[in-house]
Amino acid sequence: MQRGQQQVGRLGSGNHFLEVQAVDEVHDEAVAAAFGLRAGQVVVMIHCGSRGLGHQICTDHVRAMERAMPGHGIEVPDRQLACAPVRSPQGRAYLGAMVAAANYARANRQLLTAAARRVFAGTAGSGLHLVYDVSHNLAKIETHGVDGADRRLCVHRKGATRALPPGHPQLPADLRAAGQPVFVPGSMGTASYVLTGVAGAPAFASTCHGAGRVRSRAQAGRSVRGQELRRDLQARGIAVRGASWRGLAEETPQAYKDVSAVVDVAEAAGLCRRVARLVPLGVVKG
C-alpha cells in the first residue's frame, strides 16, 4: 500500500505508455465500427497497470509459493513460475491480493483516461470515447472445454490478455456480435494492433498482449542514446516525451519483435483476428 499510494494516476516506468495514434488501416469494417474505430481517426492507447503495488504483490507471493511448493510436490524450472493450488492458503492469499491490484490498476487507468480527456477537450474541443479497458497478467476463474467436457479453470494470462470470441455471454451486449477488443502494442515508432477474439481458439480465449522483447533493457540502453532516439522519431513525425533519456533508450523499437509478424503468427494460430492497425503520432513514456 505504501508503494502504491504515491503512484496512483501515474504511468510508471518500463514499457508503460500513453500513446496518441492514428487508425492507419481497417481490416474488418464491421467489427471496427462496432468498436467505434474508423480509418484516419485519432485515438489514445494507454498501457499501465498496478504500479508498485502489483510489483510488490508479485514479489511477496512468489516467495510464499516458493516455500510452499515442496509440500505440494510441485517443481518448476524457474522460480518466477512458483505456484500453489488455488484452494491452498497461499493460492487464496495470492488471488485476494491480485484482485486488489487489479482494482488499483483500473482506478489508475481511469485517472489517466480522465487526464487525457481533459487535454483533448481543451486542445481539440472533442472528447474521447472508451473502446475497452482490459487487464493483462491476471488470473481469472473461468469455464473452458477440456477433453470434451467443461471444466472450471484458473487461467493465469502472464504476458497475455483475454480474447473472448463473438457470442460469448460475458461480453457486453454492444460487443457480443463482434467479440472482445484485444490490444497488441508494438513499440515507439512502430504500429500497434486492435484484434478480436475468435471462436474455437486453442488457448482458453487468450492471445498475446504485446510485441515482446528481443533485447533486455540493459542491452537496449547500450545500443542507443535516448537523445538520438528522440531525434530519429521526431524526424519521422512522432513526438516523444520520457521521464529520462535512459528510459527512452531502453524502450527503443529495436528492442522489440516485429509486431506485425507477431500478430501474423497469433492470427495464423487461430488465437485472434486483426481489426485495425494503429500508428503513433505522439508517445509519453513514464
C-alpha atoms as a PDB file:
ATOM      1  CA  MET A   1       0.000   0.000   0.000  1.00  0.00           C
ATOM      2  CA  GLN A   2       2.871   2.345   0.761  1.00  0.00           C
ATOM      3  CA  ARG A   3       4.416   1.685  -2.664  1.00  0.00           C
ATOM      4  CA  GLY A   4       1.134   2.199  -4.484  1.00  0.00           C
ATOM      5  CA  GLN A   5      -0.191   5.182  -2.559  1.00  0.00           C
ATOM      6  CA  GLN A   6       2.122   7.717  -4.193  1.00  0.00           C
ATOM      7  CA  GLN A   7       1.802   6.293  -7.711  1.00  0.00           C
ATOM      8  CA  VAL A   8      -1.912   6.300  -8.453  1.00  0.00           C
ATOM      9  CA  GLY A   9      -2.682   8.297 -11.595  1.00  0.00           C
ATOM     10  CA  ARG A  10       0.854   7.844 -12.969  1.00  0.00           C
ATOM     11  CA  LEU A  11       2.089   5.889 -15.969  1.00  0.00           C
ATOM     12  CA  GLY A  12       5.083   4.362 -14.255  1.00  0.00           C
ATOM     13  CA  SER A  13       8.228   3.156 -15.953  1.00  0.00           C
ATOM     14  CA  GLY A  14       9.381   0.356 -18.254  1.00  0.00           C
ATOM     15  CA  ASN A  15       7.127  -0.426 -21.197  1.00  0.00           C
ATOM     16  CA  HIS A  16       4.131   1.531 -19.879  1.00  0.00           C
ATOM     17  CA  PHE A  17       2.966   4.393 -22.084  1.00  0.00           C
ATOM     18  CA  LEU A  18       0.268   6.776 -23.208  1.00  0.00           C
ATOM     19  CA  GLU A  19       0.311   6.992 -27.000  1.00  0.00           C
ATOM     20  CA  VAL A  20      -1.670   9.201 -29.358  1.00  0.00           C
ATOM     21  CA  GLN A  21      -2.236   7.185 -32.537  1.00  0.00           C
ATOM     22  CA  ALA A  22      -3.980   7.282 -35.892  1.00  0.00           C
ATOM     23  CA  VAL A  23      -6.031   4.436 -37.336  1.00  0.00           C
ATOM     24  CA  ASP A  24      -3.838   3.608 -40.335  1.00  0.00           C
ATOM     25  CA  GLU A  25      -5.671   0.572 -41.725  1.00  0.00           C
ATOM     26  CA  VAL A  26      -9.013  -1.103 -41.077  1.00  0.00           C
ATOM     27  CA  HIS A  27      -9.024  -4.854 -41.750  1.00  0.00           C
ATOM     28  CA  ASP A  28     -12.620  -5.580 -40.686  1.00  0.00           C
ATOM     29  CA  GLU A  29     -15.038  -2.699 -41.266  1.00  0.00           C
ATOM     30  CA  ALA A  30     -17.983  -4.217 -39.402  1.00  0.00           C
ATOM     31  CA  VAL A  31     -16.046  -5.106 -36.255  1.00  0.00           C
ATOM     32  CA  ALA A  32     -14.133  -1.800 -36.311  1.00  0.00           C
ATOM     33  CA  ALA A  33     -17.465   0.050 -36.485  1.00  0.00           C
ATOM     34  CA  ALA A  34     -18.730  -1.938 -33.501  1.00  0.00           C
ATOM     35  CA  PHE A  35     -15.587  -0.855 -31.606  1.00  0.00           C
ATOM     36  CA  GLY A  36     -16.107   2.776 -32.698  1.00  0.00           C
ATOM     37  CA  LEU A  37     -12.993   2.839 -34.927  1.00  0.00           C
ATOM     38  CA  ARG A  38     -12.616   4.217 -38.462  1.00  0.00           C
ATOM     39  CA  ALA A  39      -9.729   4.921 -40.832  1.00  0.00           C
ATOM     40  CA  GLY A  40      -7.905   8.202 -40.156  1.00  0.00           C
ATOM     41  CA  GLN A  41      -9.319   8.541 -36.656  1.00  0.00           C
ATOM     42  CA  VAL A  42      -7.096   9.815 -33.827  1.00  0.00           C
ATOM     43  CA  VAL A  43      -7.108   7.520 -30.796  1.00  0.00           C
ATOM     44  CA  VAL A  44      -5.295   7.159 -27.470  1.00  0.00           C
ATOM     45  CA  MET A  45      -3.875   3.861 -26.194  1.00  0.00           C
ATOM     46  CA  ILE A  46      -2.820   3.604 -22.543  1.00  0.00           C
ATOM     47  CA  HIS A  47      -0.728   0.726 -21.217  1.00  0.00           C
ATOM     48  CA  CYS A  48      -0.452   0.876 -17.449  1.00  0.00           C
ATOM     49  CA  GLY A  49      -1.077  -1.435 -14.535  1.00  0.00           C
ATOM     50  CA  SER A  50      -0.988  -1.640 -10.767  1.00  0.00           C
ATOM     51  CA  ARG A  51       2.343   0.115 -10.398  1.00  0.00           C
ATOM     52  CA  GLY A  52       4.486  -0.585  -7.328  1.00  0.00           C
ATOM     53  CA  LEU A  53       1.576  -2.273  -5.566  1.00  0.00           C
ATOM     54  CA  GLY A  54       1.339  -5.056  -8.151  1.00  0.00           C
ATOM     55  CA  HIS A  55       5.113  -5.465  -8.288  1.00  0.00           C
ATOM     56  CA  GLN A  56       5.291  -5.861  -4.511  1.00  0.00           C
ATOM     57  CA  ILE A  57       2.408  -8.369  -4.507  1.00  0.00           C
ATOM     58  CA  CYS A  58       4.219 -10.457  -7.120  1.00  0.00           C
ATOM     59  CA  THR A  59       7.498 -10.355  -5.177  1.00  0.00           C
ATOM     60  CA  ASP A  60       5.862 -11.317  -1.877  1.00  0.00           C
ATOM     61  CA  HIS A  61       3.737 -14.152  -3.236  1.00  0.00           C
ATOM     62  CA  VAL A  62       6.444 -15.684  -5.414  1.00  0.00           C
ATOM     63  CA  ARG A  63       8.448 -16.065  -2.207  1.00  0.00           C
ATOM     64  CA  ALA A  64       5.489 -17.532  -0.297  1.00  0.00           C
ATOM     65  CA  MET A  65       4.641 -20.022  -3.062  1.00  0.00           C
ATOM     66  CA  GLU A  66       8.282 -20.992  -3.498  1.00  0.00           C
ATOM     67  CA  ARG A  67       8.336 -22.082   0.152  1.00  0.00           C
ATOM     68  CA  ALA A  68       5.011 -23.925  -0.214  1.00  0.00           C
ATOM     69  CA  MET A  69       5.757 -25.890  -3.413  1.00  0.00           C
ATOM     70  CA  PRO A  70       7.716 -28.799  -1.835  1.00  0.00           C
ATOM     71  CA  GLY A  71       4.727 -29.599   0.385  1.00  0.00           C
ATOM     72  CA  HIS A  72       2.527 -29.968  -2.705  1.00  0.00           C
ATOM     73  CA  GLY A  73       5.107 -31.936  -4.701  1.00  0.00           C
ATOM     74  CA  ILE A  74       5.489 -29.128  -7.246  1.00  0.00           C
ATOM     75  CA  GLU A  75       8.711 -28.454  -9.135  1.00  0.00           C
ATOM     76  CA  VAL A  76       9.215 -25.656 -11.674  1.00  0.00           C
ATOM     77  CA  PRO A  77      12.188 -24.799 -13.919  1.00  0.00           C
ATOM     78  CA  ASP A  78      12.228 -21.110 -12.904  1.00  0.00           C
ATOM     79  CA  ARG A  79      11.359 -19.529  -9.556  1.00  0.00           C
ATOM     80  CA  GLN A  80       9.259 -16.910 -11.392  1.00  0.00           C
ATOM     81  CA  LEU A  81       6.857 -19.787 -12.167  1.00  0.00           C
ATOM     82  CA  ALA A  82       6.319 -20.505  -8.460  1.00  0.00           C
ATOM     83  CA  CYS A  83       2.740 -21.633  -7.865  1.00  0.00           C
ATOM     84  CA  ALA A  84       0.385 -23.317  -5.416  1.00  0.00           C
ATOM     85  CA  PRO A  85      -3.056 -24.961  -5.634  1.00  0.00           C
ATOM     86  CA  VAL A  86      -5.867 -22.419  -5.929  1.00  0.00           C
ATOM     87  CA  ARG A  87      -7.573 -23.639  -2.746  1.00  0.00           C
ATOM     88  CA  SER A  88      -4.387 -23.663  -0.651  1.00  0.00           C
ATOM     89  CA  PRO A  89      -3.771 -20.817   1.833  1.00  0.00           C
ATOM     90  CA  GLN A  90      -1.065 -19.465  -0.466  1.00  0.00           C
ATOM     91  CA  GLY A  91      -3.338 -19.676  -3.523  1.00  0.00           C
ATOM     92  CA  ARG A  92      -6.228 -17.926  -1.808  1.00  0.00           C
ATOM     93  CA  ALA A  93      -3.931 -15.223  -0.413  1.00  0.00           C
ATOM     94  CA  TYR A  94      -2.452 -14.539  -3.828  1.00  0.00           C
ATOM     95  CA  LEU A  95      -5.811 -14.329  -5.599  1.00  0.00           C
ATOM     96  CA  GLY A  96      -7.090 -11.902  -2.960  1.00  0.00           C
ATOM     97  CA  ALA A  97      -4.050  -9.668  -3.299  1.00  0.00           C
ATOM     98  CA  MET A  98      -4.174  -9.909  -7.097  1.00  0.00           C
ATOM     99  CA  VAL A  99      -7.795  -8.729  -7.143  1.00  0.00           C
ATOM    100  CA  ALA A 100      -6.773  -5.717  -5.056  1.00  0.00           C
ATOM    101  CA  ALA A 101      -4.006  -4.955  -7.562  1.00  0.00           C
ATOM    102  CA  ALA A 102      -6.446  -5.299 -10.476  1.00  0.00           C
ATOM    103  CA  ASN A 103      -8.833  -2.837  -8.835  1.00  0.00           C
ATOM    104  CA  TYR A 104      -5.943  -0.438  -8.284  1.00  0.00           C
ATOM    105  CA  ALA A 105      -4.884  -0.773 -11.943  1.00  0.00           C
ATOM    106  CA  ARG A 106      -8.391   0.008 -13.180  1.00  0.00           C
ATOM    107  CA  ALA A 107      -8.600   3.069 -10.942  1.00  0.00           C
ATOM    108  CA  ASN A 108      -5.163   4.141 -12.168  1.00  0.00           C
ATOM    109  CA  ARG A 109      -6.167   3.853 -15.820  1.00  0.00           C
ATOM    110  CA  GLN A 110      -9.405   5.692 -15.102  1.00  0.00           C
ATOM    111  CA  LEU A 111      -7.450   8.665 -13.746  1.00  0.00           C
ATOM    112  CA  LEU A 112      -5.084   8.635 -16.722  1.00  0.00           C
ATOM    113  CA  THR A 113      -8.060   8.444 -19.099  1.00  0.00           C
ATOM    114  CA  ALA A 114      -9.714  11.398 -17.347  1.00  0.00           C
ATOM    115  CA  ALA A 115      -6.498  13.416 -17.736  1.00  0.00           C
ATOM    116  CA  ALA A 116      -6.293  12.546 -21.455  1.00  0.00           C
ATOM    117  CA  ARG A 117      -9.933  13.542 -21.906  1.00  0.00           C
ATOM    118  CA  ARG A 118      -9.302  16.936 -20.286  1.00  0.00           C
ATOM    119  CA  VAL A 119      -6.362  17.583 -22.622  1.00  0.00           C
ATOM    120  CA  PHE A 120      -8.291  16.567 -25.741  1.00  0.00           C
ATOM    121  CA  ALA A 121     -11.317  18.644 -24.723  1.00  0.00           C
ATOM    122  CA  GLY A 122      -9.103  21.664 -24.085  1.00  0.00           C
ATOM    123  CA  THR A 123      -6.965  21.430 -27.227  1.00  0.00           C
ATOM    124  CA  ALA A 124      -9.165  19.735 -29.825  1.00  0.00           C
ATOM    125  CA  GLY A 125     -12.589  20.618 -28.489  1.00  0.00           C
ATOM    126  CA  SER A 126     -13.656  16.968 -28.608  1.00  0.00           C
ATOM    127  CA  GLY A 127     -13.972  14.148 -26.141  1.00  0.00           C
ATOM    128  CA  LEU A 128     -12.694  10.575 -26.035  1.00  0.00           C
ATOM    129  CA  HIS A 129     -14.976   7.531 -26.001  1.00  0.00           C
ATOM    130  CA  LEU A 130     -13.714   4.360 -24.352  1.00  0.00           C
ATOM    131  CA  VAL A 131     -13.296   1.380 -26.683  1.00  0.00           C
ATOM    132  CA  TYR A 132     -12.346  -1.117 -23.961  1.00  0.00           C
ATOM    133  CA  ASP A 133     -10.407  -1.383 -20.705  1.00  0.00           C
ATOM    134  CA  VAL A 134      -8.779  -4.795 -20.442  1.00  0.00           C
ATOM    135  CA  SER A 135      -6.400  -6.226 -17.856  1.00  0.00           C
ATOM    136  CA  HIS A 136      -3.392  -8.405 -18.608  1.00  0.00           C
ATOM    137  CA  ASN A 137      -1.123 -10.567 -16.442  1.00  0.00           C
ATOM    138  CA  LEU A 138      -4.209 -11.584 -14.498  1.00  0.00           C
ATOM    139  CA  ALA A 139      -5.664 -14.869 -13.224  1.00  0.00           C
ATOM    140  CA  LYS A 140      -9.383 -15.499 -13.699  1.00  0.00           C
ATOM    141  CA  ILE A 141     -11.640 -18.403 -12.759  1.00  0.00           C
ATOM    142  CA  GLU A 142     -13.334 -19.445 -15.996  1.00  0.00           C
ATOM    143  CA  THR A 143     -15.111 -22.404 -17.609  1.00  0.00           C
ATOM    144  CA  HIS A 144     -13.462 -23.946 -20.668  1.00  0.00           C
ATOM    145  CA  GLY A 145     -13.765 -27.173 -22.609  1.00  0.00           C
ATOM    146  CA  VAL A 146     -11.058 -29.721 -21.772  1.00  0.00           C
ATOM    147  CA  ASP A 147     -11.060 -33.186 -23.375  1.00  0.00           C
ATOM    148  CA  GLY A 148     -14.675 -32.791 -24.425  1.00  0.00           C
ATOM    149  CA  ALA A 149     -16.002 -31.624 -21.054  1.00  0.00           C
ATOM    150  CA  ASP A 150     -16.492 -28.194 -19.463  1.00  0.00           C
ATOM    151  CA  ARG A 151     -14.170 -27.558 -16.501  1.00  0.00           C
ATOM    152  CA  ARG A 152     -13.624 -24.643 -14.148  1.00  0.00           C
ATOM    153  CA  LEU A 153     -10.036 -23.488 -14.539  1.00  0.00           C
ATOM    154  CA  CYS A 154      -7.803 -20.799 -13.099  1.00  0.00           C
ATOM    155  CA  VAL A 155      -6.368 -19.202 -16.248  1.00  0.00           C
ATOM    156  CA  HIS A 156      -3.345 -17.029 -15.442  1.00  0.00           C
ATOM    157  CA  ARG A 157      -2.522 -14.915 -18.506  1.00  0.00           C
ATOM    158  CA  LYS A 158       1.080 -13.896 -17.931  1.00  0.00           C
ATOM    159  CA  GLY A 159       2.287 -11.920 -20.930  1.00  0.00           C
ATOM    160  CA  ALA A 160      -1.176 -12.415 -22.420  1.00  0.00           C
ATOM    161  CA  THR A 161      -4.665 -10.983 -22.419  1.00  0.00           C
ATOM    162  CA  ARG A 162      -8.165 -12.415 -22.687  1.00  0.00           C
ATOM    163  CA  ALA A 163      -9.707 -12.608 -26.169  1.00  0.00           C
ATOM    164  CA  LEU A 164     -13.348 -13.660 -25.847  1.00  0.00           C
ATOM    165  CA  PRO A 165     -14.975 -14.813 -29.112  1.00  0.00           C
ATOM    166  CA  PRO A 166     -18.153 -13.377 -30.671  1.00  0.00           C
ATOM    167  CA  GLY A 167     -21.293 -14.536 -28.891  1.00  0.00           C
ATOM    168  CA  HIS A 168     -19.584 -15.088 -25.535  1.00  0.00           C
ATOM    169  CA  PRO A 169     -22.079 -14.445 -22.695  1.00  0.00           C
ATOM    170  CA  GLN A 170     -19.564 -12.384 -20.678  1.00  0.00           C
ATOM    171  CA  LEU A 171     -19.278  -9.764 -23.429  1.00  0.00           C
ATOM    172  CA  PRO A 172     -21.399  -6.614 -23.143  1.00  0.00           C
ATOM    173  CA  ALA A 173     -24.410  -6.592 -25.450  1.00  0.00           C
ATOM    174  CA  ASP A 174     -22.965  -3.993 -27.865  1.00  0.00           C
ATOM    175  CA  LEU A 175     -19.839  -6.116 -28.432  1.00  0.00           C
ATOM    176  CA  ARG A 176     -21.337  -9.603 -28.394  1.00  0.00           C
ATOM    177  CA  ALA A 177     -21.572  -9.918 -32.166  1.00  0.00           C
ATOM    178  CA  ALA A 178     -18.032  -8.582 -32.725  1.00  0.00           C
ATOM    179  CA  GLY A 179     -16.029 -10.284 -29.979  1.00  0.00           C
ATOM    180  CA  GLN A 180     -13.750  -8.755 -27.371  1.00  0.00           C
ATOM    181  CA  PRO A 181     -11.418  -5.918 -28.382  1.00  0.00           C
ATOM    182  CA  VAL A 182      -7.772  -7.003 -27.939  1.00  0.00           C
ATOM    183  CA  PHE A 183      -4.904  -4.508 -27.940  1.00  0.00           C
ATOM    184  CA  VAL A 184      -1.412  -5.510 -29.036  1.00  0.00           C
ATOM    185  CA  PRO A 185       1.036  -2.602 -28.691  1.00  0.00           C
ATOM    186  CA  GLY A 186       4.206  -2.566 -30.723  1.00  0.00           C
ATOM    187  CA  SER A 187       6.840  -0.079 -29.580  1.00  0.00           C
ATOM    188  CA  MET A 188       7.673   3.593 -30.009  1.00  0.00           C
ATOM    189  CA  GLY A 189       7.842   4.237 -33.730  1.00  0.00           C
ATOM    190  CA  THR A 190       6.091   1.046 -34.855  1.00  0.00           C
ATOM    191  CA  ALA A 191       2.462   0.046 -35.286  1.00  0.00           C
ATOM    192  CA  SER A 192       0.012  -1.330 -32.741  1.00  0.00           C
ATOM    193  CA  TYR A 193      -2.996  -3.518 -33.485  1.00  0.00           C
ATOM    194  CA  VAL A 194      -6.591  -3.903 -32.398  1.00  0.00           C
ATOM    195  CA  LEU A 195      -7.729  -7.520 -32.667  1.00  0.00           C
ATOM    196  CA  THR A 196     -10.794  -9.506 -31.693  1.00  0.00           C
ATOM    197  CA  GLY A 197     -11.310 -12.968 -30.245  1.00  0.00           C
ATOM    198  CA  VAL A 198     -12.321 -15.910 -32.427  1.00  0.00           C
ATOM    199  CA  ALA A 199     -14.459 -18.974 -31.792  1.00  0.00           C
ATOM    200  CA  GLY A 200     -12.680 -22.237 -31.016  1.00  0.00           C
ATOM    201  CA  ALA A 201      -9.347 -20.609 -30.144  1.00  0.00           C
ATOM    202  CA  PRO A 202      -6.928 -23.200 -28.679  1.00  0.00           C
ATOM    203  CA  ALA A 203      -5.535 -21.208 -25.709  1.00  0.00           C
ATOM    204  CA  PHE A 204      -8.510 -20.715 -23.368  1.00  0.00           C
ATOM    205  CA  ALA A 205      -9.580 -17.475 -25.161  1.00  0.00           C
ATOM    206  CA  SER A 206      -6.128 -15.897 -24.766  1.00  0.00           C
ATOM    207  CA  THR A 207      -3.665 -14.148 -27.024  1.00  0.00           C
ATOM    208  CA  CYS A 208      -0.508 -12.040 -26.723  1.00  0.00           C
ATOM    209  CA  HIS A 209      -0.678  -8.530 -25.305  1.00  0.00           C
ATOM    210  CA  GLY A 210       2.415  -7.036 -26.926  1.00  0.00           C
ATOM    211  CA  ALA A 211       5.262  -7.491 -29.368  1.00  0.00           C
ATOM    212  CA  GLY A 212       7.670  -8.889 -26.777  1.00  0.00           C
ATOM    213  CA  ARG A 213      11.323  -8.014 -26.290  1.00  0.00           C
ATOM    214  CA  VAL A 214      14.342  -9.311 -28.207  1.00  0.00           C
ATOM    215  CA  ARG A 215      16.845  -7.258 -26.182  1.00  0.00           C
ATOM    216  CA  SER A 216      16.974  -6.729 -22.446  1.00  0.00           C
ATOM    217  CA  ARG A 217      16.678  -3.186 -21.125  1.00  0.00           C
ATOM    218  CA  ALA A 218      20.398  -3.186 -20.355  1.00  0.00           C
ATOM    219  CA  GLN A 219      21.259  -4.296 -23.900  1.00  0.00           C
ATOM    220  CA  ALA A 220      18.916  -1.696 -25.405  1.00  0.00           C
ATOM    221  CA  GLY A 221      20.387   1.034 -23.218  1.00  0.00           C
ATOM    222  CA  ARG A 222      23.862   0.222 -24.510  1.00  0.00           C
ATOM    223  CA  SER A 223      22.785   0.172 -28.160  1.00  0.00           C
ATOM    224  CA  VAL A 224      21.306   3.669 -28.495  1.00  0.00           C
ATOM    225  CA  ARG A 225      21.247   7.032 -26.713  1.00  0.00           C
ATOM    226  CA  GLY A 226      17.896   8.469 -25.713  1.00  0.00           C
ATOM    227  CA  GLN A 227      18.651  11.811 -27.369  1.00  0.00           C
ATOM    228  CA  GLU A 228      19.407  10.069 -30.686  1.00  0.00           C
ATOM    229  CA  LEU A 229      16.228   8.006 -30.492  1.00  0.00           C
ATOM    230  CA  ARG A 230      14.117  11.083 -29.842  1.00  0.00           C
ATOM    231  CA  ARG A 231      15.645  12.901 -32.832  1.00  0.00           C
ATOM    232  CA  ASP A 232      15.054   9.844 -35.041  1.00  0.00           C
ATOM    233  CA  LEU A 233      11.406   9.592 -34.047  1.00  0.00           C
ATOM    234  CA  GLN A 234      10.835  13.325 -34.463  1.00  0.00           C
ATOM    235  CA  ALA A 235      12.296  13.114 -37.987  1.00  0.00           C
ATOM    236  CA  ARG A 236       9.577  10.542 -38.722  1.00  0.00           C
ATOM    237  CA  GLY A 237       6.842  12.824 -37.367  1.00  0.00           C
ATOM    238  CA  ILE A 238       6.485  11.145 -33.966  1.00  0.00           C
ATOM    239  CA  ALA A 239       6.701  13.351 -30.880  1.00  0.00           C
ATOM    240  CA  VAL A 240       8.105  11.535 -27.842  1.00  0.00           C
ATOM    241  CA  ARG A 241       8.484  12.540 -24.211  1.00  0.00           C
ATOM    242  CA  GLY A 242      10.015  10.451 -21.444  1.00  0.00           C
ATOM    243  CA  ALA A 243      10.965  10.807 -17.819  1.00  0.00           C
ATOM    244  CA  SER A 244      14.627  10.082 -18.629  1.00  0.00           C
ATOM    245  CA  TRP A 245      16.955   9.581 -21.606  1.00  0.00           C
ATOM    246  CA  ARG A 246      17.897   6.186 -20.229  1.00  0.00           C
ATOM    247  CA  GLY A 247      14.249   5.124 -20.078  1.00  0.00           C
ATOM    248  CA  LEU A 248      13.730   6.122 -23.706  1.00  0.00           C
ATOM    249  CA  ALA A 249      16.817   4.202 -24.812  1.00  0.00           C
ATOM    250  CA  GLU A 250      15.641   1.050 -23.017  1.00  0.00           C
ATOM    251  CA  GLU A 251      12.374   1.184 -24.992  1.00  0.00           C
ATOM    252  CA  THR A 252      13.913   1.663 -28.427  1.00  0.00           C
ATOM    253  CA  PRO A 253      11.916  -0.062 -31.191  1.00  0.00           C
ATOM    254  CA  GLN A 254      14.961  -2.241 -31.946  1.00  0.00           C
ATOM    255  CA  ALA A 255      14.490  -3.882 -28.533  1.00  0.00           C
ATOM    256  CA  TYR A 256      11.163  -5.413 -29.610  1.00  0.00           C
ATOM    257  CA  LYS A 257       9.986  -8.041 -32.066  1.00  0.00           C
ATOM    258  CA  ASP A 258       8.240  -7.025 -35.285  1.00  0.00           C
ATOM    259  CA  VAL A 259       4.673  -6.570 -34.016  1.00  0.00           C
ATOM    260  CA  SER A 260       3.180  -7.284 -37.466  1.00  0.00           C
ATOM    261  CA  ALA A 261       4.955 -10.651 -37.545  1.00  0.00           C
ATOM    262  CA  VAL A 262       3.745 -11.396 -34.009  1.00  0.00           C
ATOM    263  CA  VAL A 263       0.149 -10.631 -34.996  1.00  0.00           C
ATOM    264  CA  ASP A 264       0.551 -12.743 -38.154  1.00  0.00           C
ATOM    265  CA  VAL A 265       1.590 -15.715 -36.020  1.00  0.00           C
ATOM    266  CA  ALA A 266      -1.202 -15.218 -33.471  1.00  0.00           C
ATOM    267  CA  GLU A 267      -3.797 -14.945 -36.236  1.00  0.00           C
ATOM    268  CA  ALA A 268      -2.439 -17.980 -38.101  1.00  0.00           C
ATOM    269  CA  ALA A 269      -2.572 -19.973 -34.845  1.00  0.00           C
ATOM    270  CA  GLY A 270      -6.295 -19.235 -34.572  1.00  0.00           C
ATOM    271  CA  LEU A 271      -5.940 -17.136 -31.408  1.00  0.00           C
ATOM    272  CA  CYS A 272      -7.416 -13.884 -32.729  1.00  0.00           C
ATOM    273  CA  ARG A 273      -8.310 -11.856 -35.814  1.00  0.00           C
ATOM    274  CA  ARG A 274      -6.999  -8.402 -36.745  1.00  0.00           C
ATOM    275  CA  VAL A 275      -9.401  -5.479 -36.877  1.00  0.00           C
ATOM    276  CA  ALA A 276      -7.284  -2.330 -37.261  1.00  0.00           C
ATOM    277  CA  ARG A 277      -3.678  -1.129 -37.446  1.00  0.00           C
ATOM    278  CA  LEU A 278      -2.679   1.975 -35.491  1.00  0.00           C
ATOM    279  CA  VAL A 279       0.425   4.143 -35.977  1.00  0.00           C
ATOM    280  CA  PRO A 280       1.933   6.538 -33.392  1.00  0.00           C
ATOM    281  CA  LEU A 281       1.695  10.324 -33.535  1.00  0.00           C
ATOM    282  CA  GLY A 282       2.910  11.111 -30.026  1.00  0.00           C
ATOM    283  CA  VAL A 283       4.310   8.969 -27.214  1.00  0.00           C
ATOM    284  CA  VAL A 284       4.536   9.663 -23.478  1.00  0.00           C
ATOM    285  CA  LYS A 285       6.736   7.258 -21.505  1.00  0.00           C
ATOM    286  CA  GLY A 286       6.696   7.063 -17.717  1.00  0.00           C
END
